[in-house]
Amino acid sequence: MEHNNPFEVINQRLSSIESILLELNTPKEEEEKNEHLTVKETAEYLKVSTQSVHAYIKKGFINAQKVGRILLINRAELEASLKEVKSLKYKRS
């Protein structure tokens, strides 16, 4: 199969590479969004202490569910609350 225009060949190859990369990337993001984090994992993710995470939960900044003795934080809700805080930080009065 011979192509006359080398740009068409390059464009087709780039399109196929792009679709493969999207397929590889998408499931990983969905898995991360559905998982729950412990207080320690949340502290590492936010780069704060576990005491700070407990304070954020107590103040209502972060929603957590208690399962037995463990507090679990939904990663998707955590990221949504971070986006909300960022938007409020830069909001003009």
Protein backbone atom coordinates (compact mmCIF):
# COMPACT_ATOMS: atom_id res chain seq x y z
CA MET A 1 0.00 0.00 0.00
CA GLU A 2 1.78 3.09 -1.23
CA HIS A 3 0.90 6.64 -0.13
CA ASN A 4 1.79 9.65 -2.21
CA ASN A 5 1.66 12.22 0.57
CA PRO A 6 4.06 11.55 3.48
CA PHE A 7 2.05 13.91 5.71
CA GLU A 8 -0.99 11.63 5.41
CA VAL A 9 1.11 8.69 6.59
CA ILE A 10 2.43 10.67 9.55
CA ASN A 11 -1.07 11.92 10.40
CA GLN A 12 -2.49 8.37 10.34
CA ARG A 13 0.30 7.07 12.56
CA LEU A 14 -0.15 9.93 15.03
CA SER A 15 -3.89 9.29 15.16
CA SER A 16 -3.36 5.62 15.94
CA ILE A 17 -0.77 6.43 18.60
CA GLU A 18 -3.11 8.99 20.15
CA SER A 19 -6.00 6.51 20.33
CA ILE A 20 -3.76 3.87 21.94
CA LEU A 21 -2.53 6.37 24.55
CA LEU A 22 -6.09 7.44 25.36
CA GLU A 23 -7.12 3.81 25.84
CA LEU A 24 -4.20 3.20 28.19
CA ASN A 25 -4.77 6.37 30.19
CA THR A 26 -8.55 6.31 30.67
CA PRO A 27 -9.06 3.18 32.84
CA LYS A 28 -6.33 4.22 35.27
CA GLU A 29 -8.05 7.57 35.93
CA GLU A 30 -11.40 5.88 36.53
CA GLU A 31 -9.87 3.49 39.07
CA GLU A 32 -8.27 6.36 40.97
CA LYS A 33 -11.51 8.33 41.09
CA ASN A 34 -13.42 5.44 42.68
CA GLU A 35 -10.98 4.59 45.42
CA HIS A 36 -11.09 5.68 49.02
CA LEU A 37 -8.12 7.02 50.95
CA THR A 38 -7.23 6.60 54.60
CA VAL A 39 -6.30 9.63 56.71
CA LYS A 40 -2.60 8.78 56.30
CA GLU A 41 -2.90 8.44 52.51
CA THR A 42 -4.86 11.70 52.34
CA ALA A 43 -2.17 13.46 54.38
CA GLU A 44 0.53 12.19 52.01
CA TYR A 45 -1.58 13.21 48.99
CA LEU A 46 -2.16 16.74 50.35
CA LYS A 47 1.38 16.97 51.80
CA VAL A 48 0.08 17.85 55.27
CA SER A 49 0.12 16.06 58.63
CA THR A 50 -2.48 13.53 59.71
CA GLN A 51 -3.53 15.98 62.45
CA SER A 52 -4.32 18.55 59.75
CA VAL A 53 -6.47 16.03 57.90
CA HIS A 54 -8.38 15.25 61.11
CA ALA A 55 -8.87 19.00 61.68
CA TYR A 56 -10.15 19.46 58.10
CA ILE A 57 -12.61 16.61 58.64
CA LYS A 58 -13.78 18.08 61.95
CA LYS A 59 -14.26 21.54 60.38
CA GLY A 60 -16.16 20.01 57.46
CA PHE A 61 -13.65 20.88 54.73
CA ILE A 62 -13.24 17.18 53.91
CA ASN A 63 -16.03 14.61 53.98
CA ALA A 64 -15.11 11.28 55.56
CA GLN A 65 -16.97 8.07 56.32
CA LYS A 66 -16.15 5.96 59.32
CA VAL A 67 -15.86 2.25 58.63
CA GLY A 68 -15.20 0.53 61.93
CA ARG A 69 -12.30 2.48 63.42
CA ILE A 70 -11.01 3.74 60.06
CA LEU A 71 -11.93 7.04 58.42
CA LEU A 72 -12.19 6.77 54.63
CA ILE A 73 -12.12 9.75 52.28
CA ASN A 74 -13.46 9.47 48.75
CA ARG A 75 -10.72 10.62 46.34
CA ALA A 76 -13.19 12.15 43.84
CA GLU A 77 -14.89 14.21 46.58
CA LEU A 78 -11.49 15.29 47.91
CA GLU A 79 -10.37 16.50 44.48
CA ALA A 80 -13.71 18.28 43.97
CA SER A 81 -13.34 20.09 47.29
CA LEU A 82 -9.78 21.10 46.36
CA LYS A 83 -11.01 22.60 43.09
CA GLU A 84 -13.72 24.48 45.00
CA VAL A 85 -11.14 25.92 47.43
CA LYS A 86 -8.88 26.99 44.56
CA SER A 87 -11.74 28.75 42.79
CA LEU A 88 -12.72 30.59 45.99
CA LYS A 89 -9.12 31.60 46.61
CA TYR A 90 -8.88 33.44 43.31
CA LYS A 91 -12.44 34.77 43.26
CA ARG A 92 -12.63 38.56 43.21
CA SER A 93 -14.92 40.26 45.69
